[in-house]
C-alpha atoms as a PDB file:
ATOM      1  CA  UNK A   1      74.624  62.285 -44.527  1.00  0.00           C
ATOM      2  CA  UNK A   2      74.242  58.689 -43.317  1.00  0.00           C
ATOM      3  CA  UNK A   3      74.590  55.778 -45.709  1.00  0.00           C
ATOM      4  CA  UNK A   4      70.904  54.788 -45.622  1.00  0.00           C
ATOM      5  CA  UNK A   5      69.757  58.333 -46.402  1.00  0.00           C
ATOM      6  CA  UNK A   6      72.304  58.683 -49.190  1.00  0.00           C
ATOM      7  CA  UNK A   7      71.216  55.393 -50.793  1.00  0.00           C
ATOM      8  CA  UNK A   8      67.550  56.405 -50.649  1.00  0.00           C
ATOM      9  CA  UNK A   9      68.336  59.886 -51.974  1.00  0.00           C
ATOM     10  CA  UNK A  10      70.365  58.444 -54.856  1.00  0.00           C
ATOM     11  CA  UNK A  11      67.612  55.959 -55.689  1.00  0.00           C
ATOM     12  CA  UNK A  12      65.013  58.729 -55.832  1.00  0.00           C
ATOM     13  CA  UNK A  13      67.221  60.738 -58.186  1.00  0.00           C
ATOM     14  CA  UNK A  14      67.734  57.670 -60.381  1.00  0.00           C
ATOM     15  CA  UNK A  15      64.016  56.810 -60.524  1.00  0.00           C
ATOM     16  CA  UNK A  16      63.037  60.415 -61.231  1.00  0.00           C
ATOM     17  CA  UNK A  17      65.701  60.629 -63.922  1.00  0.00           C
ATOM     18  CA  UNK A  18      64.395  57.465 -65.579  1.00  0.00           C
ATOM     19  CA  UNK A  19      60.834  58.760 -65.439  1.00  0.00           C
ATOM     20  CA  UNK A  20      61.911  62.122 -66.863  1.00  0.00           C
ATOM     21  CA  UNK A  21      63.787  60.484 -69.737  1.00  0.00           C
ATOM     22  CA  UNK A  22      60.811  58.286 -70.600  1.00  0.00           C
ATOM     23  CA  UNK A  23      58.527  61.336 -70.672  1.00  0.00           C
ATOM     24  CA  UNK A  24      60.950  63.168 -72.975  1.00  0.00           C
ATOM     25  CA  UNK A  25      61.008  60.194 -75.332  1.00  0.00           C
ATOM     26  CA  UNK A  26      57.203  60.004 -75.338  1.00  0.00           C
ATOM     27  CA  UNK A  27      57.083  63.741 -76.066  1.00  0.00           C
ATOM     28  CA  UNK A  28      59.257  63.173 -79.136  1.00  0.00           C
ATOM     29  CA  UNK A  29      56.924  60.382 -80.235  1.00  0.00           C
ATOM     30  CA  UNK A  30      53.955  62.753 -79.980  1.00  0.00           C
ATOM     31  CA  UNK A  31      55.751  65.385 -82.076  1.00  0.00           C
ATOM     32  CA  UNK A  32      56.045  62.922 -84.963  1.00  0.00           C
ATOM     33  CA  UNK A  33      52.247  62.771 -85.276  1.00  0.00           C
ATOM     34  CA  UNK A  34      52.168  66.040 -87.230  1.00  0.00           C
ATOM     35  CA  UNK A  35      55.227  65.408 -89.397  1.00  0.00           C
ATOM     36  CA  UNK A  36      53.833  62.806 -91.841  1.00  0.00           C
ATOM     37  CA  UNK A  37      57.142  60.923 -91.971  1.00  0.00           C
ATOM     38  CA  UNK A  38      57.740  57.794 -94.001  1.00  0.00           C
ATOM     39  CA  UNK A  39      59.462  54.850 -92.325  1.00  0.00           C
ATOM     40  CA  UNK A  40      62.957  56.090 -93.213  1.00  0.00           C
ATOM     41  CA  UNK A  41      62.126  59.642 -92.220  1.00  0.00           C
ATOM     42  CA  UNK A  42      60.936  58.485 -88.793  1.00  0.00           C
ATOM     43  CA  UNK A  43      64.172  56.580 -88.299  1.00  0.00           C
ATOM     44  CA  UNK A  44      66.253  59.619 -89.241  1.00  0.00           C
ATOM     45  CA  UNK A  45      64.168  61.830 -86.946  1.00  0.00           C
ATOM     46  CA  UNK A  46      64.779  59.519 -83.990  1.00  0.00           C
ATOM     47  CA  UNK A  47      68.538  59.305 -84.634  1.00  0.00           C
ATOM     48  CA  UNK A  48      68.730  63.072 -84.990  1.00  0.00           C
ATOM     49  CA  UNK A  49      67.196  63.669 -81.552  1.00  0.00           C
ATOM     50  CA  UNK A  50      68.409  60.655 -79.548  1.00  0.00           C
ATOM     51  CA  UNK A  51      71.959  59.324 -79.180  1.00  0.00           C
ATOM     52  CA  UNK A  52      71.609  56.644 -76.517  1.00  0.00           C
ATOM     53  CA  UNK A  53      70.792  53.164 -77.925  1.00  0.00           C
ATOM     54  CA  UNK A  54      68.527  52.201 -75.041  1.00  0.00           C
ATOM     55  CA  UNK A  55      66.515  55.413 -75.439  1.00  0.00           C
ATOM     56  CA  UNK A  56      66.311  54.904 -79.201  1.00  0.00           C
ATOM     57  CA  UNK A  57      64.902  51.416 -78.647  1.00  0.00           C
ATOM     58  CA  UNK A  58      62.356  52.868 -76.220  1.00  0.00           C
ATOM     59  CA  UNK A  59      61.398  55.551 -78.755  1.00  0.00           C
ATOM     60  CA  UNK A  60      60.386  52.933 -81.310  1.00  0.00           C
ATOM     61  CA  UNK A  61      58.702  50.807 -78.635  1.00  0.00           C
ATOM     62  CA  UNK A  62      56.583  53.817 -77.609  1.00  0.00           C
ATOM     63  CA  UNK A  63      56.014  54.851 -81.217  1.00  0.00           C
ATOM     64  CA  UNK A  64      54.646  51.430 -82.167  1.00  0.00           C
ATOM     65  CA  UNK A  65      52.487  51.358 -79.047  1.00  0.00           C
ATOM     66  CA  UNK A  66      51.015  54.752 -79.894  1.00  0.00           C
ATOM     67  CA  UNK A  67      50.611  54.382 -83.651  1.00  0.00           C
ATOM     68  CA  UNK A  68      49.997  50.761 -84.616  1.00  0.00           C
ATOM     69  CA  UNK A  69      46.509  49.383 -84.122  1.00  0.00           C
ATOM     70  CA  UNK A  70      45.850  45.700 -83.613  1.00  0.00           C
ATOM     71  CA  UNK A  71      44.204  44.300 -86.751  1.00  0.00           C
ATOM     72  CA  UNK A  72      41.229  42.451 -85.270  1.00  0.00           C
ATOM     73  CA  UNK A  73      39.655  41.920 -88.691  1.00  0.00           C
ATOM     74  CA  UNK A  74      42.765  40.113 -89.911  1.00  0.00           C
ATOM     75  CA  UNK A  75      42.930  38.090 -86.705  1.00  0.00           C
ATOM     76  CA  UNK A  76      39.349  36.887 -87.281  1.00  0.00           C
ATOM     77  CA  UNK A  77      40.334  35.800 -90.795  1.00  0.00           C
ATOM     78  CA  UNK A  78      43.259  33.873 -89.353  1.00  0.00           C
ATOM     79  CA  UNK A  79      40.965  32.084 -86.902  1.00  0.00           C
ATOM     80  CA  UNK A  80      38.467  31.323 -89.661  1.00  0.00           C
ATOM     81  CA  UNK A  81      41.300  30.226 -91.979  1.00  0.00           C
ATOM     82  CA  UNK A  82      39.979  32.452 -94.777  1.00  0.00           C
ATOM     83  CA  UNK A  83      43.397  33.926 -95.541  1.00  0.00           C
ATOM     84  CA  UNK A  84      46.391  32.131 -97.046  1.00  0.00           C
ATOM     85  CA  UNK A  85      49.773  32.042 -95.331  1.00  0.00           C
ATOM     86  CA  UNK A  86      51.244  34.085 -98.175  1.00  0.00           C
ATOM     87  CA  UNK A  87      48.566  36.786 -97.834  1.00  0.00           C
ATOM     88  CA  UNK A  88      49.119  36.869 -94.088  1.00  0.00           C
ATOM     89  CA  UNK A  89      52.892  37.238 -94.438  1.00  0.00           C
ATOM     90  CA  UNK A  90      52.504  40.052 -96.950  1.00  0.00           C
ATOM     91  CA  UNK A  91      50.207  41.973 -94.606  1.00  0.00           C
ATOM     92  CA  UNK A  92      52.730  41.586 -91.757  1.00  0.00           C
ATOM     93  CA  UNK A  93      55.598  42.975 -93.794  1.00  0.00           C
ATOM     94  CA  UNK A  94      57.095  45.879 -91.828  1.00  0.00           C
ATOM     95  CA  UNK A  95      56.499  48.354 -94.671  1.00  0.00           C
ATOM     96  CA  UNK A  96      52.804  47.445 -94.934  1.00  0.00           C
ATOM     97  CA  UNK A  97      52.343  47.561 -91.170  1.00  0.00           C
ATOM     98  CA  UNK A  98      53.934  51.012 -91.065  1.00  0.00           C
ATOM     99  CA  UNK A  99      51.915  52.296 -94.027  1.00  0.00           C
ATOM    100  CA  UNK A 100      48.550  50.902 -92.881  1.00  0.00           C
ATOM    101  CA  UNK A 101      49.218  51.542 -89.180  1.00  0.00           C
ATOM    102  CA  UNK A 102      47.834  48.130 -88.238  1.00  0.00           C
ATOM    103  CA  UNK A 103      48.993  44.560 -87.802  1.00  0.00           C
ATOM    104  CA  UNK A 104      48.933  41.508 -85.575  1.00  0.00           C
ATOM    105  CA  UNK A 105      51.787  40.327 -83.378  1.00  0.00           C
ATOM    106  CA  UNK A 106      54.002  39.206 -86.269  1.00  0.00           C
ATOM    107  CA  UNK A 107      53.698  42.640 -87.859  1.00  0.00           C
ATOM    108  CA  UNK A 108      54.486  44.417 -84.605  1.00  0.00           C
ATOM    109  CA  UNK A 109      57.570  42.258 -84.080  1.00  0.00           C
ATOM    110  CA  UNK A 110      58.745  42.592 -87.708  1.00  0.00           C
ATOM    111  CA  UNK A 111      58.425  46.373 -87.597  1.00  0.00           C
ATOM    112  CA  UNK A 112      60.281  46.677 -84.284  1.00  0.00           C
ATOM    113  CA  UNK A 113      63.077  44.423 -85.586  1.00  0.00           C
ATOM    114  CA  UNK A 114      63.352  46.588 -88.731  1.00  0.00           C
ATOM    115  CA  UNK A 115      63.746  49.740 -86.640  1.00  0.00           C
ATOM    116  CA  UNK A 116      66.361  48.051 -84.442  1.00  0.00           C
ATOM    117  CA  UNK A 117      68.364  46.968 -87.484  1.00  0.00           C
ATOM    118  CA  UNK A 118      68.305  50.542 -88.792  1.00  0.00           C
ATOM    119  CA  UNK A 119      69.817  51.867 -85.538  1.00  0.00           C
ATOM    120  CA  UNK A 120      72.417  49.065 -85.364  1.00  0.00           C
ATOM    121  CA  UNK A 121      70.816  47.114 -82.534  1.00  0.00           C
ATOM    122  CA  UNK A 122      70.841  43.360 -83.020  1.00  0.00           C
ATOM    123  CA  UNK A 123      67.300  42.012 -82.889  1.00  0.00           C
ATOM    124  CA  UNK A 124      65.367  38.790 -83.444  1.00  0.00           C
ATOM    125  CA  UNK A 125      61.716  37.891 -83.792  1.00  0.00           C
ATOM    126  CA  UNK A 126      60.734  35.176 -81.320  1.00  0.00           C
ATOM    127  CA  UNK A 127      57.816  32.892 -82.130  1.00  0.00           C
ATOM    128  CA  UNK A 128      55.966  30.820 -79.604  1.00  0.00           C
ATOM    129  CA  UNK A 129      52.722  30.535 -77.658  1.00  0.00           C
ATOM    130  CA  UNK A 130      51.091  32.686 -75.018  1.00  0.00           C
ATOM    131  CA  UNK A 131      48.545  32.091 -72.309  1.00  0.00           C
ATOM    132  CA  UNK A 132      46.028  34.656 -71.126  1.00  0.00           C
ATOM    133  CA  UNK A 133      42.748  34.988 -69.219  1.00  0.00           C
ATOM    134  CA  UNK A 134      41.054  32.608 -71.684  1.00  0.00           C
ATOM    135  CA  UNK A 135      43.706  29.948 -72.201  1.00  0.00           C
ATOM    136  CA  UNK A 136      45.871  29.117 -69.176  1.00  0.00           C
ATOM    137  CA  UNK A 137      47.349  25.851 -70.422  1.00  0.00           C
ATOM    138  CA  UNK A 138      49.122  25.462 -73.756  1.00  0.00           C
ATOM    139  CA  UNK A 139      48.875  22.426 -76.022  1.00  0.00           C
ATOM    140  CA  UNK A 140      51.347  22.905 -78.859  1.00  0.00           C
ATOM    141  CA  UNK A 141      49.489  20.736 -81.372  1.00  0.00           C
ATOM    142  CA  UNK A 142      46.087  22.379 -80.968  1.00  0.00           C
ATOM    143  CA  UNK A 143      46.700  25.936 -79.765  1.00  0.00           C
ATOM    144  CA  UNK A 144      47.420  27.679 -83.063  1.00  0.00           C
ATOM    145  CA  UNK A 145      45.008  30.436 -81.980  1.00  0.00           C
ATOM    146  CA  UNK A 146      47.452  31.288 -79.199  1.00  0.00           C
ATOM    147  CA  UNK A 147      50.594  31.572 -81.299  1.00  0.00           C
ATOM    148  CA  UNK A 148      52.449  34.816 -80.743  1.00  0.00           C
ATOM    149  CA  UNK A 149      55.537  36.781 -81.786  1.00  0.00           C
ATOM    150  CA  UNK A 150      57.732  39.125 -79.771  1.00  0.00           C
ATOM    151  CA  UNK A 151      61.346  40.353 -79.791  1.00  0.00           C
ATOM    152  CA  UNK A 152      64.711  40.082 -78.156  1.00  0.00           C
ATOM    153  CA  UNK A 153      67.232  42.894 -78.676  1.00  0.00           C
ATOM    154  CA  UNK A 154      70.852  43.167 -77.649  1.00  0.00           C
ATOM    155  CA  UNK A 155      71.811  46.214 -75.585  1.00  0.00           C
ATOM    156  CA  UNK A 156      75.176  46.606 -73.857  1.00  0.00           C
ATOM    157  CA  UNK A 157      76.087  43.026 -74.881  1.00  0.00           C
ATOM    158  CA  UNK A 158      73.012  41.654 -73.121  1.00  0.00           C
ATOM    159  CA  UNK A 159      69.805  40.293 -74.624  1.00  0.00           C
ATOM    160  CA  UNK A 160      66.584  41.809 -73.299  1.00  0.00           C
ATOM    161  CA  UNK A 161      62.956  40.909 -74.048  1.00  0.00           C
ATOM    162  CA  UNK A 162      60.344  43.218 -75.569  1.00  0.00           C
ATOM    163  CA  UNK A 163      56.712  42.657 -76.547  1.00  0.00           C
ATOM    164  CA  UNK A 164      55.465  45.624 -78.565  1.00  0.00           C
ATOM    165  CA  UNK A 165      52.031  44.040 -79.108  1.00  0.00           C
ATOM    166  CA  UNK A 166      51.276  43.649 -75.409  1.00  0.00           C
ATOM    167  CA  UNK A 167      52.939  47.007 -74.795  1.00  0.00           C
ATOM    168  CA  UNK A 168      50.087  48.802 -76.580  1.00  0.00           C
ATOM    169  CA  UNK A 169      47.908  48.582 -73.466  1.00  0.00           C
ATOM    170  CA  UNK A 170      46.082  51.799 -72.603  1.00  0.00           C
ATOM    171  CA  UNK A 171      47.134  51.250 -68.990  1.00  0.00           C
ATOM    172  CA  UNK A 172      50.401  53.142 -68.548  1.00  0.00           C
ATOM    173  CA  UNK A 173      51.821  50.694 -66.027  1.00  0.00           C
ATOM    174  CA  UNK A 174      51.102  47.679 -68.224  1.00  0.00           C
ATOM    175  CA  UNK A 175      52.575  49.396 -71.259  1.00  0.00           C
ATOM    176  CA  UNK A 176      55.852  50.063 -69.450  1.00  0.00           C
ATOM    177  CA  UNK A 177      55.926  46.465 -68.239  1.00  0.00           C
ATOM    178  CA  UNK A 178      56.751  44.916 -71.621  1.00  0.00           C
ATOM    179  CA  UNK A 179      59.968  46.751 -72.439  1.00  0.00           C
ATOM    180  CA  UNK A 180      62.999  44.977 -70.971  1.00  0.00           C
ATOM    181  CA  UNK A 181      60.726  42.674 -69.009  1.00  0.00           C
ATOM    182  CA  UNK A 182      62.544  40.277 -66.698  1.00  0.00           C
ATOM    183  CA  UNK A 183      62.777  36.778 -68.227  1.00  0.00           C
ATOM    184  CA  UNK A 184      61.347  35.208 -65.065  1.00  0.00           C
ATOM    185  CA  UNK A 185      58.258  37.418 -65.485  1.00  0.00           C
ATOM    186  CA  UNK A 186      57.763  36.987 -69.236  1.00  0.00           C
ATOM    187  CA  UNK A 187      57.908  33.193 -68.910  1.00  0.00           C
ATOM    188  CA  UNK A 188      54.707  33.453 -66.860  1.00  0.00           C
ATOM    189  CA  UNK A 189      52.780  34.121 -70.091  1.00  0.00           C
ATOM    190  CA  UNK A 190      55.139  33.600 -73.068  1.00  0.00           C
ATOM    191  CA  UNK A 191      56.533  30.200 -74.081  1.00  0.00           C
ATOM    192  CA  UNK A 192      58.996  30.453 -77.012  1.00  0.00           C
ATOM    193  CA  UNK A 193      59.465  27.622 -79.511  1.00  0.00           C
ATOM    194  CA  UNK A 194      63.231  27.851 -78.992  1.00  0.00           C
ATOM    195  CA  UNK A 195      63.775  27.534 -75.234  1.00  0.00           C
ATOM    196  CA  UNK A 196      67.012  29.532 -75.392  1.00  0.00           C
ATOM    197  CA  UNK A 197      64.853  32.654 -75.757  1.00  0.00           C
ATOM    198  CA  UNK A 198      63.448  32.095 -72.287  1.00  0.00           C
ATOM    199  CA  UNK A 199      66.794  33.670 -71.267  1.00  0.00           C
ATOM    200  CA  UNK A 200      66.654  31.651 -68.052  1.00  0.00           C
ATOM    201  CA  UNK A 201      69.528  29.745 -66.430  1.00  0.00           C
ATOM    202  CA  UNK A 202      67.178  26.787 -66.054  1.00  0.00           C
ATOM    203  CA  UNK A 203      64.553  26.874 -68.841  1.00  0.00           C
ATOM    204  CA  UNK A 204      61.059  25.589 -68.092  1.00  0.00           C
ATOM    205  CA  UNK A 205      59.615  22.560 -69.806  1.00  0.00           C
ATOM    206  CA  UNK A 206      56.141  22.962 -71.259  1.00  0.00           C
ATOM    207  CA  UNK A 207      54.748  20.862 -68.390  1.00  0.00           C
ATOM    208  CA  UNK A 208      56.432  23.113 -65.830  1.00  0.00           C
ATOM    209  CA  UNK A 209      55.098  26.167 -67.682  1.00  0.00           C
ATOM    210  CA  UNK A 210      51.525  24.830 -67.655  1.00  0.00           C
ATOM    211  CA  UNK A 211      51.730  23.918 -63.981  1.00  0.00           C
ATOM    212  CA  UNK A 212      53.021  27.344 -62.954  1.00  0.00           C
ATOM    213  CA  UNK A 213      50.577  30.137 -62.009  1.00  0.00           C
ATOM    214  CA  UNK A 214      49.233  32.544 -64.614  1.00  0.00           C
ATOM    215  CA  UNK A 215      49.798  36.050 -63.257  1.00  0.00           C
ATOM    216  CA  UNK A 216      48.625  39.353 -64.735  1.00  0.00           C
ATOM    217  CA  UNK A 217      51.061  42.312 -64.747  1.00  0.00           C
ATOM    218  CA  UNK A 218      48.889  44.232 -62.261  1.00  0.00           C
ATOM    219  CA  UNK A 219      50.187  41.919 -59.506  1.00  0.00           C
ATOM    220  CA  UNK A 220      53.674  43.311 -60.011  1.00  0.00           C
ATOM    221  CA  UNK A 221      52.467  46.824 -60.788  1.00  0.00           C
ATOM    222  CA  UNK A 222      50.964  47.178 -57.298  1.00  0.00           C
ATOM    223  CA  UNK A 223      54.294  46.283 -55.715  1.00  0.00           C
ATOM    224  CA  UNK A 224      54.664  42.529 -55.450  1.00  0.00           C
ATOM    225  CA  UNK A 225      57.966  41.175 -56.757  1.00  0.00           C
ATOM    226  CA  UNK A 226      57.325  37.458 -56.277  1.00  0.00           C
ATOM    227  CA  UNK A 227      54.828  34.958 -57.641  1.00  0.00           C
ATOM    228  CA  UNK A 228      52.717  33.545 -54.760  1.00  0.00           C
ATOM    229  CA  UNK A 229      53.160  29.909 -53.778  1.00  0.00           C
ATOM    230  CA  UNK A 230      50.874  27.110 -52.642  1.00  0.00           C
ATOM    231  CA  UNK A 231      52.494  25.035 -49.890  1.00  0.00           C
ATOM    232  CA  UNK A 232      51.080  22.158 -47.867  1.00  0.00           C
ATOM    233  CA  UNK A 233      51.585  19.805 -44.943  1.00  0.00           C
ATOM    234  CA  UNK A 234      49.665  16.696 -43.912  1.00  0.00           C
ATOM    235  CA  UNK A 235      46.415  18.528 -43.141  1.00  0.00           C
ATOM    236  CA  UNK A 236      46.528  22.017 -44.651  1.00  0.00           C
ATOM    237  CA  UNK A 237      47.271  24.072 -47.747  1.00  0.00           C
ATOM    238  CA  UNK A 238      49.049  27.415 -47.325  1.00  0.00           C
ATOM    239  CA  UNK A 239      48.635  30.037 -50.041  1.00  0.00           C
ATOM    240  CA  UNK A 240      51.470  32.460 -49.317  1.00  0.00           C
ATOM    241  CA  UNK A 241      52.638  35.810 -50.662  1.00  0.00           C
ATOM    242  CA  UNK A 242      54.995  38.547 -49.493  1.00  0.00           C
ATOM    243  CA  UNK A 243      53.812  41.367 -47.257  1.00  0.00           C
ATOM    244  CA  UNK A 244      54.178  44.858 -48.696  1.00  0.00           C
ATOM    245  CA  UNK A 245      54.938  47.876 -46.461  1.00  0.00           C
ATOM    246  CA  UNK A 246      51.914  50.199 -46.319  1.00  0.00           C
ATOM    247  CA  UNK A 247      50.060  47.939 -48.738  1.00  0.00           C
ATOM    248  CA  UNK A 248      46.502  49.146 -49.405  1.00  0.00           C
ATOM    249  CA  UNK A 249      45.533  46.100 -51.453  1.00  0.00           C
ATOM    250  CA  UNK A 250      43.597  43.130 -50.077  1.00  0.00           C
ATOM    251  CA  UNK A 251      44.089  39.699 -51.618  1.00  0.00           C
ATOM    252  CA  UNK A 252      41.217  37.238 -52.080  1.00  0.00           C
ATOM    253  CA  UNK A 253      41.325  33.532 -53.015  1.00  0.00           C
ATOM    254  CA  UNK A 254      38.585  31.501 -54.756  1.00  0.00           C
ATOM    255  CA  UNK A 255      38.245  27.793 -55.574  1.00  0.00           C
ATOM    256  CA  UNK A 256      36.563  25.817 -58.377  1.00  0.00           C
ATOM    257  CA  UNK A 257      36.215  22.138 -59.275  1.00  0.00           C
ATOM    258  CA  UNK A 258      35.493  22.763 -62.982  1.00  0.00           C
ATOM    259  CA  UNK A 259      37.428  25.979 -63.772  1.00  0.00           C
ATOM    260  CA  UNK A 260      34.086  27.683 -64.416  1.00  0.00           C
ATOM    261  CA  UNK A 261      32.286  28.343 -61.146  1.00  0.00           C
ATOM    262  CA  UNK A 262      34.467  29.887 -58.431  1.00  0.00           C
ATOM    263  CA  UNK A 263      33.525  30.420 -54.807  1.00  0.00           C
ATOM    264  CA  UNK A 264      35.417  31.843 -51.807  1.00  0.00           C
ATOM    265  CA  UNK A 265      37.135  29.195 -49.688  1.00  0.00           C
ATOM    266  CA  UNK A 266      35.537  28.636 -46.304  1.00  0.00           C
ATOM    267  CA  UNK A 267      37.360  28.763 -42.976  1.00  0.00           C
ATOM    268  CA  UNK A 268      40.563  30.427 -44.176  1.00  0.00           C
ATOM    269  CA  UNK A 269      42.934  31.321 -41.362  1.00  0.00           C
ATOM    270  CA  UNK A 270      45.198  34.303 -42.101  1.00  0.00           C
ATOM    271  CA  UNK A 271      48.695  34.012 -40.639  1.00  0.00           C
ATOM    272  CA  UNK A 272      51.287  36.815 -40.879  1.00  0.00           C
ATOM    273  CA  UNK A 273      54.808  35.648 -40.212  1.00  0.00           C
ATOM    274  CA  UNK A 274      58.373  36.523 -41.275  1.00  0.00           C
ATOM    275  CA  UNK A 275      57.287  39.155 -43.775  1.00  0.00           C
ATOM    276  CA  UNK A 276      54.735  36.901 -45.461  1.00  0.00           C
ATOM    277  CA  UNK A 277      51.000  36.284 -45.369  1.00  0.00           C
ATOM    278  CA  UNK A 278      49.664  32.721 -45.296  1.00  0.00           C
ATOM    279  CA  UNK A 279      46.088  31.685 -46.084  1.00  0.00           C
ATOM    280  CA  UNK A 280      45.697  28.342 -44.328  1.00  0.00           C
ATOM    281  CA  UNK A 281      42.760  26.071 -45.218  1.00  0.00           C
ATOM    282  CA  UNK A 282      42.037  22.365 -44.792  1.00  0.00           C
ATOM    283  CA  UNK A 283      42.919  19.830 -47.452  1.00  0.00           C
ATOM    284  CA  UNK A 284      39.520  18.232 -46.940  1.00  0.00           C
ATOM    285  CA  UNK A 285      37.967  21.306 -48.609  1.00  0.00           C
ATOM    286  CA  UNK A 286      39.885  20.767 -51.850  1.00  0.00           C
ATOM    287  CA  UNK A 287      39.051  18.074 -54.464  1.00  0.00           C
ATOM    288  CA  UNK A 288      41.708  16.036 -56.292  1.00  0.00           C
ATOM    289  CA  UNK A 289      41.728  18.463 -59.189  1.00  0.00           C
ATOM    290  CA  UNK A 290      41.138  22.066 -58.183  1.00  0.00           C
ATOM    291  CA  UNK A 291      41.393  25.478 -59.806  1.00  0.00           C
ATOM    292  CA  UNK A 292      42.184  28.705 -57.948  1.00  0.00           C
ATOM    293  CA  UNK A 293      41.768  32.379 -58.766  1.00  0.00           C
ATOM    294  CA  UNK A 294      43.147  35.400 -56.951  1.00  0.00           C
ATOM    295  CA  UNK A 295      41.736  38.923 -56.995  1.00  0.00           C
ATOM    296  CA  UNK A 296      43.017  42.147 -55.453  1.00  0.00           C
ATOM    297  CA  UNK A 297      40.895  44.964 -54.011  1.00  0.00           C
ATOM    298  CA  UNK A 298      41.779  48.425 -52.752  1.00  0.00           C
ATOM    299  CA  UNK A 299      39.443  50.595 -50.628  1.00  0.00           C
ATOM    300  CA  UNK A 300      40.052  54.360 -50.488  1.00  0.00           C
ATOM    301  CA  UNK A 301      38.249  56.989 -48.466  1.00  0.00           C
ATOM    302  CA  UNK A 302      38.263  60.648 -49.565  1.00  0.00           C
ATOM    303  CA  UNK A 303      36.337  61.766 -46.489  1.00  0.00           C
ATOM    304  CA  UNK A 304      32.923  61.690 -48.136  1.00  0.00           C
ATOM    305  CA  UNK A 305      32.871  58.401 -50.025  1.00  0.00           C
ATOM    306  CA  UNK A 306      34.631  55.059 -50.173  1.00  0.00           C
ATOM    307  CA  UNK A 307      36.039  54.105 -53.555  1.00  0.00           C
ATOM    308  CA  UNK A 308      36.831  50.549 -54.577  1.00  0.00           C
ATOM    309  CA  UNK A 309      39.394  49.468 -57.164  1.00  0.00           C
ATOM    310  CA  UNK A 310      39.179  45.781 -57.986  1.00  0.00           C
ATOM    311  CA  UNK A 311      41.041  43.448 -60.335  1.00  0.00           C
ATOM    312  CA  UNK A 312      39.560  39.996 -60.906  1.00  0.00           C
ATOM    313  CA  UNK A 313      41.411  36.878 -62.048  1.00  0.00           C
ATOM    314  CA  UNK A 314      44.818  38.379 -61.354  1.00  0.00           C
ATOM    315  CA  UNK A 315      46.292  34.926 -60.716  1.00  0.00           C
ATOM    316  CA  UNK A 316      45.075  31.525 -61.921  1.00  0.00           C
ATOM    317  CA  UNK A 317      46.559  28.137 -61.055  1.00  0.00           C
ATOM    318  CA  UNK A 318      45.535  24.502 -60.587  1.00  0.00           C
ATOM    319  CA  UNK A 319      46.581  21.466 -58.575  1.00  0.00           C
ATOM    320  CA  UNK A 320      46.389  17.702 -59.004  1.00  0.00           C
ATOM    321  CA  UNK A 321      46.414  15.300 -56.069  1.00  0.00           C
END
């Protein structure tokens, strides 16, 4: 057996094993639906069936994702400022969130931290701000509507990041994305108040965060491992991203002067070189302040029909001249 084949074979076994373990954990989560367990009973059930700390943490991550509903009514009250801070804190108490099966991000994070404490995993609740499809640029003084809470837990003497609120996505790939998410990926959307919880060797300033691209998880779910870059020389801009082997996804780039109305960029030259794709277009097409959006499209043919899968606004970024 040559070395390359052995490495590939071992990797397949490892990936399949990880997938199998995750499915077993999710199966245990489903079995709890008929047991009517209180919060302590659920904890005992998990410890009875799972020994590994990492798998226990995943159990509670999956359980919260499957059983806790986002409290949109409460969120509207927060936005309208018709609820006091004390009332809000009481509703986000882990016991109330568990009992009522609903909460906002603070409740999700409090409940996950409680479970981690019960299984002897060190955990913290991280507070900060997030950006999303609506708000790409954070202003700390005015963006209270975009405050958020998530967790860090310590496994094998290493801190990892978890967002149980964003992990409730109905899309399986997105749900998996927010457990033990790489710090360099979470910082794309999450900016903690305490920069140490970026868990980066070189933490980003808020200005650097706002000037970095906003990227949806789907970009990484379809196989990309890097955030695209915008490069330039005297006459041209080059939007560049890595090539993927056997990639079925097409990447499109749009431009706007007001961050509202986006149009495809004219006269783009596509260059493929050194394992990368470059979209080259003239600087004279781009105003001093410009906003860009990226979409991805996949075309599939089953012999009779062509099917299209499309994701809009996958990446958003801006430039200043």
